[in-house]
Amino acid sequence: MSAKTQRTREICALAPIIPVLVVDDAAHARPLAEALVAGGLPALEVTLRTPAALDAIRAMAQVPGGVVGAGTLVTPDDVRAAKEAGAQFGVSPGATDALIAACEAEDLPLLPGAATATEAMRLLEQGYDMLKFFPAEASGGAPALKAIGAPLPQITFCPTGGVSPANARDYLSLPNVICAGGSWVAPKQMVAQGDWAGIEALAREAAALMD
């Protein structure tokens, strides 16, 4: 196991699903995180796709038992802003040398994205053996990830993108998958309505997917 990805792997192993969160209102961040953690999903990915994202990370970083990360890291500036806000790990849709260098400079554990064997091999060369398979369904789904895993058994993945309760077990049953990223545990409407009990129930169902 690579030292560069040891912490990322530990975070990925906390639960079978990492919620992928798009937070529009920072006021929702703390109760949302509390509901997900209570439901058994402690690792949380807040995507940097909204103006509220960094404030959401700041709020979630205060939640006991939670491990909050920043998703959609694309530039070194994203990395620095995420770290400053309290992110404990980063997730990127792909990987560039500049992004990797920024994460290493900031000591931010990174889950970098790869969709092909070549991308996975390049990341492995740089010491990354825990990767995000993205976009999972659009890239061929569980059969594609199984095929990539055959010649690259030393790499493990967190498939993200199109993962749902209907197909999550297909991914989680693969030997090269440690967890999956999913947005269904925090539906936009439930967040807007403040249905934290409903979100906690969805989290419990997702946390039981490995049982």
N, C-alpha and C. Protein backbone atom coordinates (compact mmCIF):
# COMPACT_ATOMS: atom_id res chain seq x y z
N MET A 1 0.84 -1.19 0.00
CA MET A 1 0.00 0.00 0.00
C MET A 1 0.88 1.25 0.00
N SER A 2 0.52 2.23 -0.83
CA SER A 2 1.30 3.44 -0.93
C SER A 2 1.08 4.33 0.29
N ALA A 3 2.17 4.92 0.78
CA ALA A 3 2.06 5.84 1.91
C ALA A 3 1.24 7.07 1.53
N LYS A 4 1.30 7.45 0.24
CA LYS A 4 0.57 8.64 -0.21
C LYS A 4 -0.93 8.47 -0.08
N THR A 5 -1.39 7.24 -0.18
CA THR A 5 -2.84 7.04 -0.16
C THR A 5 -3.33 6.31 1.09
N GLN A 6 -2.46 6.14 2.05
CA GLN A 6 -2.86 5.40 3.25
C GLN A 6 -4.02 6.08 3.97
N ARG A 7 -3.94 7.40 4.16
CA ARG A 7 -5.01 8.11 4.88
C ARG A 7 -6.29 8.11 4.04
N THR A 8 -6.15 8.30 2.73
CA THR A 8 -7.33 8.27 1.86
C THR A 8 -8.03 6.92 1.97
N ARG A 9 -7.25 5.87 1.97
CA ARG A 9 -7.81 4.52 2.06
C ARG A 9 -8.53 4.32 3.40
N GLU A 10 -7.94 4.83 4.48
CA GLU A 10 -8.58 4.72 5.80
C GLU A 10 -9.93 5.43 5.80
N ILE A 11 -10.00 6.61 5.18
CA ILE A 11 -11.25 7.36 5.11
C ILE A 11 -12.28 6.60 4.28
N CYS A 12 -11.85 6.07 3.15
CA CYS A 12 -12.75 5.33 2.26
C CYS A 12 -13.30 4.07 2.95
N ALA A 13 -12.55 3.52 3.88
CA ALA A 13 -12.95 2.29 4.55
C ALA A 13 -13.93 2.53 5.70
N LEU A 14 -14.24 3.78 5.99
CA LEU A 14 -15.11 4.08 7.13
C LEU A 14 -16.55 3.59 6.91
N ALA A 15 -17.01 3.60 5.67
CA ALA A 15 -18.38 3.18 5.35
C ALA A 15 -18.46 2.82 3.88
N PRO A 16 -19.46 2.02 3.48
CA PRO A 16 -19.53 1.61 2.07
C PRO A 16 -19.89 2.73 1.11
N ILE A 17 -20.51 3.80 1.62
CA ILE A 17 -20.91 4.91 0.76
C ILE A 17 -20.35 6.23 1.31
N ILE A 18 -19.75 7.02 0.41
CA ILE A 18 -19.38 8.40 0.73
C ILE A 18 -20.44 9.30 0.10
N PRO A 19 -21.22 10.02 0.91
CA PRO A 19 -22.20 10.92 0.33
C PRO A 19 -21.52 12.02 -0.48
N VAL A 20 -22.01 12.23 -1.71
CA VAL A 20 -21.52 13.31 -2.56
C VAL A 20 -22.54 14.44 -2.46
N LEU A 21 -22.14 15.55 -1.85
CA LEU A 21 -23.09 16.58 -1.42
C LEU A 21 -22.92 17.88 -2.20
N VAL A 22 -24.03 18.39 -2.71
CA VAL A 22 -24.08 19.72 -3.33
C VAL A 22 -24.89 20.60 -2.38
N VAL A 23 -24.22 21.48 -1.66
CA VAL A 23 -24.87 22.28 -0.63
C VAL A 23 -25.12 23.69 -1.15
N ASP A 24 -26.40 24.07 -1.26
CA ASP A 24 -26.76 25.40 -1.75
C ASP A 24 -26.86 26.42 -0.63
N ASP A 25 -27.13 25.98 0.58
CA ASP A 25 -27.32 26.87 1.72
C ASP A 25 -26.47 26.36 2.87
N ALA A 26 -25.48 27.16 3.28
CA ALA A 26 -24.56 26.72 4.34
C ALA A 26 -25.28 26.46 5.65
N ALA A 27 -26.46 27.03 5.84
CA ALA A 27 -27.21 26.79 7.06
C ALA A 27 -27.66 25.33 7.18
N HIS A 28 -27.74 24.65 6.05
CA HIS A 28 -28.13 23.23 6.07
C HIS A 28 -26.96 22.31 6.39
N ALA A 29 -25.75 22.83 6.32
CA ALA A 29 -24.57 21.97 6.34
C ALA A 29 -24.44 21.15 7.62
N ARG A 30 -24.51 21.82 8.76
CA ARG A 30 -24.29 21.08 10.01
C ARG A 30 -25.37 20.03 10.27
N PRO A 31 -26.68 20.38 10.20
CA PRO A 31 -27.69 19.33 10.43
C PRO A 31 -27.63 18.21 9.40
N LEU A 32 -27.25 18.53 8.18
CA LEU A 32 -27.10 17.50 7.15
C LEU A 32 -25.98 16.54 7.53
N ALA A 33 -24.84 17.10 7.92
CA ALA A 33 -23.71 16.25 8.32
C ALA A 33 -24.06 15.41 9.55
N GLU A 34 -24.76 16.02 10.51
CA GLU A 34 -25.13 15.28 11.73
C GLU A 34 -26.04 14.10 11.40
N ALA A 35 -26.97 14.31 10.46
CA ALA A 35 -27.89 13.23 10.06
C ALA A 35 -27.13 12.09 9.37
N LEU A 36 -26.21 12.44 8.49
CA LEU A 36 -25.46 11.41 7.76
C LEU A 36 -24.53 10.64 8.68
N VAL A 37 -23.85 11.35 9.59
CA VAL A 37 -22.96 10.68 10.54
C VAL A 37 -23.76 9.77 11.47
N ALA A 38 -24.92 10.26 11.93
CA ALA A 38 -25.77 9.45 12.81
C ALA A 38 -26.26 8.20 12.10
N GLY A 39 -26.44 8.30 10.78
CA GLY A 39 -26.89 7.16 10.00
C GLY A 39 -25.78 6.19 9.64
N GLY A 40 -24.54 6.52 10.00
CA GLY A 40 -23.44 5.59 9.76
C GLY A 40 -22.56 5.91 8.59
N LEU A 41 -22.66 7.14 8.07
CA LEU A 41 -21.81 7.54 6.93
C LEU A 41 -20.95 8.74 7.37
N PRO A 42 -19.79 8.48 7.96
CA PRO A 42 -19.00 9.58 8.53
C PRO A 42 -18.17 10.37 7.52
N ALA A 43 -17.78 9.75 6.41
CA ALA A 43 -16.96 10.44 5.41
C ALA A 43 -17.87 11.19 4.44
N LEU A 44 -17.71 12.49 4.33
CA LEU A 44 -18.61 13.34 3.57
C LEU A 44 -17.84 14.13 2.52
N GLU A 45 -18.30 14.10 1.29
CA GLU A 45 -17.67 14.87 0.22
C GLU A 45 -18.57 16.04 -0.16
N VAL A 46 -18.11 17.25 0.12
CA VAL A 46 -18.84 18.46 -0.28
C VAL A 46 -18.23 18.96 -1.59
N THR A 47 -19.03 18.95 -2.65
CA THR A 47 -18.50 19.37 -3.95
C THR A 47 -18.39 20.90 -4.01
N LEU A 48 -17.29 21.35 -4.60
CA LEU A 48 -17.08 22.80 -4.72
C LEU A 48 -17.82 23.34 -5.94
N ARG A 49 -19.12 23.09 -5.98
CA ARG A 49 -19.92 23.50 -7.13
C ARG A 49 -20.88 24.62 -6.81
N THR A 50 -20.92 25.06 -5.57
CA THR A 50 -21.83 26.13 -5.18
C THR A 50 -21.06 27.18 -4.37
N PRO A 51 -21.58 28.42 -4.34
CA PRO A 51 -20.92 29.46 -3.55
C PRO A 51 -20.88 29.13 -2.06
N ALA A 52 -21.80 28.26 -1.62
CA ALA A 52 -21.87 27.93 -0.19
C ALA A 52 -20.91 26.81 0.22
N ALA A 53 -20.23 26.19 -0.74
CA ALA A 53 -19.48 24.96 -0.46
C ALA A 53 -18.41 25.12 0.62
N LEU A 54 -17.61 26.17 0.55
CA LEU A 54 -16.53 26.31 1.53
C LEU A 54 -17.08 26.58 2.93
N ASP A 55 -18.15 27.39 3.01
CA ASP A 55 -18.78 27.62 4.32
C ASP A 55 -19.40 26.32 4.84
N ALA A 56 -19.93 25.50 3.93
CA ALA A 56 -20.50 24.21 4.33
C ALA A 56 -19.42 23.30 4.91
N ILE A 57 -18.24 23.31 4.28
CA ILE A 57 -17.12 22.50 4.79
C ILE A 57 -16.72 22.99 6.18
N ARG A 58 -16.67 24.31 6.37
CA ARG A 58 -16.32 24.86 7.69
C ARG A 58 -17.30 24.38 8.76
N ALA A 59 -18.59 24.39 8.42
CA ALA A 59 -19.60 23.97 9.39
C ALA A 59 -19.53 22.47 9.67
N MET A 60 -19.36 21.68 8.61
CA MET A 60 -19.33 20.22 8.77
C MET A 60 -18.08 19.76 9.51
N ALA A 61 -17.01 20.53 9.39
CA ALA A 61 -15.76 20.16 10.06
C ALA A 61 -15.91 20.18 11.59
N GLN A 62 -16.96 20.83 12.07
CA GLN A 62 -17.20 20.91 13.52
C GLN A 62 -18.05 19.75 14.05
N VAL A 63 -18.56 18.91 13.16
CA VAL A 63 -19.48 17.84 13.57
C VAL A 63 -18.70 16.65 14.13
N PRO A 64 -18.94 16.26 15.38
CA PRO A 64 -18.22 15.13 15.97
C PRO A 64 -18.46 13.84 15.17
N GLY A 65 -17.37 13.12 14.93
CA GLY A 65 -17.48 11.85 14.22
C GLY A 65 -17.44 11.95 12.72
N GLY A 66 -17.53 13.17 12.21
CA GLY A 66 -17.52 13.35 10.76
C GLY A 66 -16.12 13.58 10.22
N VAL A 67 -15.90 13.17 8.98
CA VAL A 67 -14.65 13.44 8.27
C VAL A 67 -15.05 14.10 6.96
N VAL A 68 -14.88 15.42 6.89
CA VAL A 68 -15.38 16.14 5.73
C VAL A 68 -14.27 16.37 4.70
N GLY A 69 -14.62 16.15 3.46
CA GLY A 69 -13.69 16.37 2.36
C GLY A 69 -14.28 17.31 1.33
N ALA A 70 -13.44 17.79 0.44
CA ALA A 70 -13.87 18.68 -0.64
C ALA A 70 -13.80 17.94 -1.96
N GLY A 71 -14.91 17.96 -2.68
CA GLY A 71 -14.94 17.32 -3.99
C GLY A 71 -14.83 18.34 -5.11
N THR A 72 -14.69 17.84 -6.31
CA THR A 72 -14.55 18.67 -7.51
C THR A 72 -13.34 19.59 -7.40
N LEU A 73 -12.25 19.09 -6.83
CA LEU A 73 -11.00 19.84 -6.83
C LEU A 73 -10.44 19.81 -8.25
N VAL A 74 -10.20 20.99 -8.82
CA VAL A 74 -9.71 21.06 -10.20
C VAL A 74 -8.39 21.84 -10.30
N THR A 75 -8.23 22.85 -9.45
CA THR A 75 -7.05 23.71 -9.52
C THR A 75 -6.31 23.73 -8.18
N PRO A 76 -5.05 24.14 -8.18
CA PRO A 76 -4.34 24.31 -6.91
C PRO A 76 -5.03 25.29 -5.97
N ASP A 77 -5.68 26.31 -6.52
CA ASP A 77 -6.42 27.26 -5.67
C ASP A 77 -7.57 26.56 -4.95
N ASP A 78 -8.24 25.64 -5.64
CA ASP A 78 -9.31 24.84 -5.00
C ASP A 78 -8.75 24.10 -3.79
N VAL A 79 -7.57 23.51 -3.98
CA VAL A 79 -6.95 22.71 -2.91
C VAL A 79 -6.66 23.58 -1.69
N ARG A 80 -6.05 24.73 -1.93
CA ARG A 80 -5.69 25.62 -0.82
C ARG A 80 -6.95 26.12 -0.09
N ALA A 81 -7.98 26.47 -0.85
CA ALA A 81 -9.21 26.97 -0.24
C ALA A 81 -9.90 25.88 0.58
N ALA A 82 -9.89 24.65 0.06
CA ALA A 82 -10.52 23.53 0.76
C ALA A 82 -9.80 23.23 2.06
N LYS A 83 -8.48 23.22 2.00
CA LYS A 83 -7.68 22.95 3.21
C LYS A 83 -7.91 24.03 4.25
N GLU A 84 -7.95 25.28 3.82
CA GLU A 84 -8.15 26.40 4.74
C GLU A 84 -9.52 26.32 5.41
N ALA A 85 -10.51 25.78 4.67
CA ALA A 85 -11.87 25.68 5.21
C ALA A 85 -12.03 24.51 6.18
N GLY A 86 -11.03 23.64 6.22
CA GLY A 86 -11.09 22.53 7.17
C GLY A 86 -11.28 21.16 6.55
N ALA A 87 -11.18 21.07 5.23
CA ALA A 87 -11.32 19.76 4.58
C ALA A 87 -10.20 18.83 5.03
N GLN A 88 -10.57 17.57 5.28
CA GLN A 88 -9.59 16.59 5.72
C GLN A 88 -9.13 15.66 4.60
N PHE A 89 -9.82 15.74 3.46
CA PHE A 89 -9.37 15.02 2.26
C PHE A 89 -9.95 15.72 1.05
N GLY A 90 -9.42 15.38 -0.12
CA GLY A 90 -9.90 15.97 -1.35
C GLY A 90 -10.26 14.90 -2.36
N VAL A 91 -11.19 15.24 -3.25
CA VAL A 91 -11.62 14.33 -4.31
C VAL A 91 -11.61 15.12 -5.61
N SER A 92 -11.07 14.52 -6.67
CA SER A 92 -11.02 15.22 -7.95
C SER A 92 -11.60 14.35 -9.06
N PRO A 93 -12.22 14.98 -10.08
CA PRO A 93 -12.80 14.21 -11.17
C PRO A 93 -11.75 13.51 -12.03
N GLY A 94 -10.58 14.13 -12.10
CA GLY A 94 -9.44 13.55 -12.81
C GLY A 94 -8.20 13.92 -12.02
N ALA A 95 -7.06 13.96 -12.66
CA ALA A 95 -5.83 14.32 -11.94
C ALA A 95 -4.85 14.98 -12.87
N THR A 96 -4.25 16.07 -12.40
CA THR A 96 -3.16 16.71 -13.14
C THR A 96 -1.95 16.79 -12.21
N ASP A 97 -0.79 16.98 -12.80
CA ASP A 97 0.43 17.09 -11.98
C ASP A 97 0.33 18.27 -11.02
N ALA A 98 -0.25 19.39 -11.49
CA ALA A 98 -0.35 20.58 -10.64
C ALA A 98 -1.29 20.34 -9.46
N LEU A 99 -2.38 19.64 -9.71
CA LEU A 99 -3.34 19.35 -8.63
C LEU A 99 -2.71 18.42 -7.60
N ILE A 100 -2.04 17.39 -8.06
CA ILE A 100 -1.39 16.44 -7.14
C ILE A 100 -0.31 17.15 -6.32
N ALA A 101 0.47 18.01 -6.97
CA ALA A 101 1.53 18.74 -6.27
C ALA A 101 0.93 19.64 -5.19
N ALA A 102 -0.20 20.29 -5.50
CA ALA A 102 -0.84 21.17 -4.53
C ALA A 102 -1.34 20.39 -3.32
N CYS A 103 -1.94 19.23 -3.55
CA CYS A 103 -2.42 18.40 -2.44
C CYS A 103 -1.28 17.93 -1.57
N GLU A 104 -0.17 17.55 -2.19
CA GLU A 104 0.98 17.10 -1.42
C GLU A 104 1.60 18.26 -0.64
N ALA A 105 1.61 19.47 -1.25
CA ALA A 105 2.16 20.64 -0.56
C ALA A 105 1.30 21.02 0.65
N GLU A 106 -0.02 20.84 0.51
CA GLU A 106 -0.95 21.19 1.60
C GLU A 106 -1.19 20.03 2.56
N ASP A 107 -0.57 18.88 2.29
CA ASP A 107 -0.76 17.67 3.09
C ASP A 107 -2.25 17.30 3.16
N LEU A 108 -2.90 17.36 1.98
CA LEU A 108 -4.32 17.02 1.88
C LEU A 108 -4.44 15.67 1.18
N PRO A 109 -4.88 14.63 1.89
CA PRO A 109 -5.04 13.32 1.25
C PRO A 109 -5.98 13.44 0.05
N LEU A 110 -5.59 12.84 -1.07
CA LEU A 110 -6.35 12.99 -2.31
C LEU A 110 -6.88 11.67 -2.83
N LEU A 111 -8.16 11.71 -3.25
CA LEU A 111 -8.77 10.60 -3.97
C LEU A 111 -8.92 11.07 -5.42
N PRO A 112 -7.92 10.77 -6.27
CA PRO A 112 -7.95 11.29 -7.63
C PRO A 112 -8.77 10.42 -8.57
N GLY A 113 -9.40 11.07 -9.55
CA GLY A 113 -10.27 10.34 -10.46
C GLY A 113 -9.54 9.76 -11.66
N ALA A 114 -10.00 8.59 -12.09
CA ALA A 114 -9.49 7.93 -13.29
C ALA A 114 -10.63 7.15 -13.93
N ALA A 115 -10.65 7.13 -15.26
CA ALA A 115 -11.70 6.40 -15.97
C ALA A 115 -11.16 5.30 -16.87
N THR A 116 -9.82 5.28 -17.06
CA THR A 116 -9.22 4.31 -17.96
C THR A 116 -8.02 3.63 -17.29
N ALA A 117 -7.60 2.52 -17.88
CA ALA A 117 -6.44 1.82 -17.35
C ALA A 117 -5.19 2.69 -17.41
N THR A 118 -5.04 3.47 -18.49
CA THR A 118 -3.87 4.34 -18.62
C THR A 118 -3.84 5.40 -17.52
N GLU A 119 -5.00 6.02 -17.26
CA GLU A 119 -5.04 7.02 -16.19
C GLU A 119 -4.72 6.39 -14.85
N ALA A 120 -5.25 5.21 -14.61
CA ALA A 120 -4.98 4.51 -13.35
C ALA A 120 -3.50 4.17 -13.22
N MET A 121 -2.88 3.73 -14.31
CA MET A 121 -1.46 3.37 -14.28
C MET A 121 -0.58 4.60 -14.04
N ARG A 122 -0.96 5.73 -14.64
CA ARG A 122 -0.19 6.96 -14.43
C ARG A 122 -0.24 7.38 -12.96
N LEU A 123 -1.41 7.25 -12.36
CA LEU A 123 -1.54 7.61 -10.94
C LEU A 123 -0.78 6.62 -10.06
N LEU A 124 -0.82 5.37 -10.43
CA LEU A 124 -0.06 4.35 -9.68
C LEU A 124 1.43 4.66 -9.72
N GLU A 125 1.93 5.11 -10.87
CA GLU A 125 3.33 5.51 -11.02
C GLU A 125 3.71 6.61 -10.04
N GLN A 126 2.72 7.48 -9.74
CA GLN A 126 2.98 8.61 -8.84
C GLN A 126 2.70 8.27 -7.38
N GLY A 127 2.37 6.98 -7.12
CA GLY A 127 2.19 6.55 -5.74
C GLY A 127 0.76 6.52 -5.26
N TYR A 128 -0.19 6.64 -6.20
CA TYR A 128 -1.61 6.64 -5.81
C TYR A 128 -2.26 5.32 -6.22
N ASP A 129 -2.67 4.53 -5.21
CA ASP A 129 -3.28 3.23 -5.51
C ASP A 129 -4.71 3.13 -4.96
N MET A 130 -5.26 4.26 -4.49
CA MET A 130 -6.67 4.35 -4.09
C MET A 130 -7.27 5.48 -4.93
N LEU A 131 -8.11 5.10 -5.90
CA LEU A 131 -8.58 6.06 -6.89
C LEU A 131 -10.10 6.13 -6.94
N LYS A 132 -10.60 7.24 -7.48
CA LYS A 132 -12.03 7.35 -7.79
C LYS A 132 -12.23 6.90 -9.23
N PHE A 133 -13.16 5.99 -9.46
CA PHE A 133 -13.53 5.58 -10.82
C PHE A 133 -14.69 6.47 -11.23
N PHE A 134 -14.41 7.40 -12.16
CA PHE A 134 -15.40 8.42 -12.51
C PHE A 134 -15.31 8.77 -14.00
N PRO A 135 -16.46 8.97 -14.64
CA PRO A 135 -17.83 8.73 -14.18
C PRO A 135 -18.18 7.24 -14.31
N ALA A 136 -18.53 6.63 -13.22
CA ALA A 136 -18.60 5.17 -13.15
C ALA A 136 -19.57 4.56 -14.17
N GLU A 137 -20.83 4.94 -14.13
CA GLU A 137 -21.81 4.32 -15.02
C GLU A 137 -21.53 4.66 -16.48
N ALA A 138 -21.19 5.92 -16.74
CA ALA A 138 -20.91 6.34 -18.13
C ALA A 138 -19.65 5.68 -18.69
N SER A 139 -18.77 5.22 -17.80
CA SER A 139 -17.52 4.58 -18.22
C SER A 139 -17.64 3.06 -18.33
N GLY A 140 -18.86 2.54 -18.23
CA GLY A 140 -19.06 1.10 -18.40
C GLY A 140 -19.51 0.38 -17.16
N GLY A 141 -19.63 1.11 -16.04
CA GLY A 141 -20.19 0.53 -14.83
C GLY A 141 -19.31 -0.54 -14.19
N ALA A 142 -19.96 -1.38 -13.39
CA ALA A 142 -19.23 -2.42 -12.65
C ALA A 142 -18.47 -3.38 -13.56
N PRO A 143 -19.02 -3.78 -14.73
CA PRO A 143 -18.26 -4.67 -15.60
C PRO A 143 -16.94 -4.05 -16.07
N ALA A 144 -16.95 -2.74 -16.37
CA ALA A 144 -15.72 -2.08 -16.80
C ALA A 144 -14.71 -2.02 -15.67
N LEU A 145 -15.19 -1.72 -14.47
CA LEU A 145 -14.28 -1.63 -13.33
C LEU A 145 -13.69 -2.99 -12.98
N LYS A 146 -14.50 -4.02 -13.13
CA LYS A 146 -14.01 -5.38 -12.91
C LYS A 146 -12.91 -5.72 -13.92
N ALA A 147 -13.13 -5.32 -15.19
CA ALA A 147 -12.15 -5.61 -16.24
C ALA A 147 -10.85 -4.85 -16.02
N ILE A 148 -10.94 -3.58 -15.60
CA ILE A 148 -9.74 -2.80 -15.32
C ILE A 148 -8.98 -3.41 -14.14
N GLY A 149 -9.73 -3.93 -13.18
CA GLY A 149 -9.11 -4.48 -11.98
C GLY A 149 -8.32 -5.74 -12.20
N ALA A 150 -8.67 -6.49 -13.24
CA ALA A 150 -8.00 -7.78 -13.46
C ALA A 150 -6.49 -7.62 -13.65
N PRO A 151 -6.01 -6.72 -14.53
CA PRO A 151 -4.56 -6.56 -14.69
C PRO A 151 -3.94 -5.58 -13.70
N LEU A 152 -4.78 -4.89 -12.91
CA LEU A 152 -4.26 -3.89 -11.96
C LEU A 152 -4.80 -4.18 -10.56
N PRO A 153 -4.50 -5.36 -10.01
CA PRO A 153 -5.08 -5.75 -8.71
C PRO A 153 -4.57 -4.91 -7.55
N GLN A 154 -3.47 -4.20 -7.76
CA GLN A 154 -2.90 -3.41 -6.65
C GLN A 154 -3.63 -2.07 -6.46
N ILE A 155 -4.58 -1.75 -7.35
CA ILE A 155 -5.32 -0.49 -7.24
C ILE A 155 -6.73 -0.78 -6.74
N THR A 156 -7.19 0.02 -5.77
CA THR A 156 -8.58 -0.07 -5.34
C THR A 156 -9.30 1.22 -5.68
N PHE A 157 -10.62 1.13 -5.77
CA PHE A 157 -11.41 2.23 -6.31
C PHE A 157 -12.61 2.58 -5.45
N CYS A 158 -13.03 3.84 -5.63
CA CYS A 158 -14.31 4.34 -5.12
C CYS A 158 -15.10 4.80 -6.35
N PRO A 159 -15.95 3.94 -6.92
CA PRO A 159 -16.73 4.35 -8.08
C PRO A 159 -17.73 5.43 -7.73
N THR A 160 -17.84 6.45 -8.57
CA THR A 160 -18.74 7.57 -8.34
C THR A 160 -19.29 8.03 -9.69
N GLY A 161 -20.55 8.42 -9.68
CA GLY A 161 -21.17 8.89 -10.92
C GLY A 161 -22.17 7.88 -11.43
N GLY A 162 -23.43 8.08 -11.09
CA GLY A 162 -24.46 7.14 -11.51
C GLY A 162 -24.65 5.97 -10.57
N VAL A 163 -23.94 5.96 -9.44
CA VAL A 163 -24.13 4.89 -8.47
C VAL A 163 -25.43 5.15 -7.71
N SER A 164 -26.24 4.11 -7.53
CA SER A 164 -27.55 4.24 -6.91
C SER A 164 -27.83 3.02 -6.05
N PRO A 165 -28.92 3.03 -5.27
CA PRO A 165 -29.26 1.83 -4.49
C PRO A 165 -29.47 0.61 -5.39
N ALA A 166 -29.83 0.84 -6.64
CA ALA A 166 -30.10 -0.28 -7.55
C ALA A 166 -28.83 -0.99 -8.01
N ASN A 167 -27.72 -0.25 -8.10
CA ASN A 167 -26.50 -0.88 -8.63
C ASN A 167 -25.32 -0.85 -7.65
N ALA A 168 -25.51 -0.25 -6.48
CA ALA A 168 -24.38 -0.09 -5.55
C ALA A 168 -23.74 -1.42 -5.18
N ARG A 169 -24.58 -2.44 -4.95
CA ARG A 169 -24.01 -3.74 -4.56
C ARG A 169 -23.18 -4.36 -5.68
N ASP A 170 -23.52 -4.06 -6.94
CA ASP A 170 -22.73 -4.58 -8.07
C ASP A 170 -21.30 -4.08 -7.96
N TYR A 171 -21.16 -2.82 -7.59
CA TYR A 171 -19.82 -2.25 -7.42
C TYR A 171 -19.15 -2.76 -6.15
N LEU A 172 -19.89 -2.70 -5.04
CA LEU A 172 -19.30 -3.04 -3.74
C LEU A 172 -18.89 -4.50 -3.64
N SER A 173 -19.44 -5.35 -4.51
CA SER A 173 -19.08 -6.77 -4.49
C SER A 173 -17.75 -7.04 -5.21
N LEU A 174 -17.23 -6.04 -5.93
CA LEU A 174 -15.97 -6.23 -6.65
C LEU A 174 -14.79 -6.22 -5.67
N PRO A 175 -13.78 -7.06 -5.91
CA PRO A 175 -12.65 -7.11 -4.98
C PRO A 175 -11.81 -5.84 -4.97
N ASN A 176 -11.91 -5.04 -6.05
CA ASN A 176 -11.09 -3.82 -6.11
C ASN A 176 -11.87 -2.57 -5.73
N VAL A 177 -13.03 -2.74 -5.09
CA VAL A 177 -13.84 -1.60 -4.64
C VAL A 177 -13.94 -1.61 -3.11
N ILE A 178 -13.61 -0.47 -2.51
CA ILE A 178 -13.65 -0.36 -1.05
C ILE A 178 -14.88 0.41 -0.59
N CYS A 179 -15.38 1.31 -1.45
CA CYS A 179 -16.58 2.09 -1.15
C CYS A 179 -17.05 2.70 -2.45
N ALA A 180 -18.18 3.39 -2.42
CA ALA A 180 -18.69 4.08 -3.60
C ALA A 180 -19.20 5.45 -3.19
N GLY A 181 -19.20 6.38 -4.13
CA GLY A 181 -19.73 7.71 -3.87
C GLY A 181 -21.16 7.79 -4.38
N GLY A 182 -22.04 8.38 -3.57
CA GLY A 182 -23.44 8.46 -3.98
C GLY A 182 -24.12 9.71 -3.48
N SER A 183 -24.97 10.29 -4.33
CA SER A 183 -25.67 11.51 -3.95
C SER A 183 -27.09 11.23 -3.46
N TRP A 184 -27.56 9.98 -3.64
CA TRP A 184 -28.96 9.70 -3.32
C TRP A 184 -29.27 9.77 -1.83
N VAL A 185 -28.25 9.73 -0.98
CA VAL A 185 -28.50 9.75 0.46
C VAL A 185 -28.87 11.14 0.97
N ALA A 186 -28.71 12.16 0.11
CA ALA A 186 -29.07 13.53 0.51
C ALA A 186 -29.83 14.20 -0.63
N PRO A 187 -31.05 13.74 -0.91
CA PRO A 187 -31.82 14.32 -2.02
C PRO A 187 -32.06 15.82 -1.80
N LYS A 188 -31.96 16.57 -2.89
CA LYS A 188 -32.07 18.03 -2.82
C LYS A 188 -33.35 18.46 -2.10
N GLN A 189 -34.46 17.81 -2.41
CA GLN A 189 -35.75 18.21 -1.82
C GLN A 189 -35.77 17.97 -0.31
N MET A 190 -35.21 16.83 0.12
CA MET A 190 -35.19 16.53 1.55
C MET A 190 -34.30 17.52 2.30
N VAL A 191 -33.20 17.91 1.68
CA VAL A 191 -32.31 18.90 2.30
C VAL A 191 -33.04 20.24 2.42
N ALA A 192 -33.70 20.64 1.34
CA ALA A 192 -34.40 21.93 1.33
C ALA A 192 -35.51 21.96 2.39
N GLN A 193 -36.14 20.82 2.61
CA GLN A 193 -37.24 20.73 3.58
C GLN A 193 -36.74 20.49 5.01
N GLY A 194 -35.44 20.25 5.14
CA GLY A 194 -34.89 19.98 6.47
C GLY A 194 -35.33 18.64 7.03
N ASP A 195 -35.52 17.67 6.15
CA ASP A 195 -35.97 16.34 6.58
C ASP A 195 -34.76 15.51 7.02
N TRP A 196 -34.20 15.90 8.15
CA TRP A 196 -32.95 15.26 8.61
C TRP A 196 -33.20 13.81 9.04
N ALA A 197 -34.38 13.53 9.58
CA ALA A 197 -34.69 12.15 9.98
C ALA A 197 -34.76 11.25 8.75
N GLY A 198 -35.33 11.77 7.67
CA GLY A 198 -35.41 11.00 6.43
C GLY A 198 -34.04 10.74 5.84
N ILE A 199 -33.16 11.74 5.92
CA ILE A 199 -31.80 11.58 5.41
C ILE A 199 -31.02 10.59 6.27
N GLU A 200 -31.22 10.65 7.59
CA GLU A 200 -30.56 9.68 8.46
C GLU A 200 -31.00 8.25 8.12
N ALA A 201 -32.29 8.08 7.79
CA ALA A 201 -32.80 6.75 7.42
C ALA A 201 -32.16 6.26 6.12
N LEU A 202 -32.01 7.17 5.14
CA LEU A 202 -31.35 6.80 3.88
C LEU A 202 -29.89 6.42 4.14
N ALA A 203 -29.25 7.16 5.04
CA ALA A 203 -27.86 6.87 5.38
C ALA A 203 -27.74 5.49 6.03
N ARG A 204 -28.68 5.14 6.89
CA ARG A 204 -28.64 3.82 7.54
C ARG A 204 -28.74 2.70 6.50
N GLU A 205 -29.63 2.89 5.52
CA GLU A 205 -29.77 1.89 4.46
C GLU A 205 -28.48 1.76 3.66
N ALA A 206 -27.85 2.91 3.36
CA ALA A 206 -26.61 2.88 2.59
C ALA A 206 -25.47 2.26 3.40
N ALA A 207 -25.44 2.54 4.71
CA ALA A 207 -24.39 1.99 5.56
C ALA A 207 -24.48 0.49 5.68
N ALA A 208 -25.67 -0.05 5.43
CA ALA A 208 -25.88 -1.51 5.54
C ALA A 208 -25.61 -2.25 4.25
N LEU A 209 -25.17 -1.53 3.21
CA LEU A 209 -24.99 -2.17 1.90
C LEU A 209 -23.88 -3.22 1.90
N MET A 210 -22.95 -3.14 2.84
CA MET A 210 -21.86 -4.11 2.91
C MET A 210 -22.24 -5.32 3.77
N ASP A 211 -23.39 -5.25 4.47
CA ASP A 211 -23.77 -6.34 5.36
C ASP A 211 -24.12 -7.60 4.59
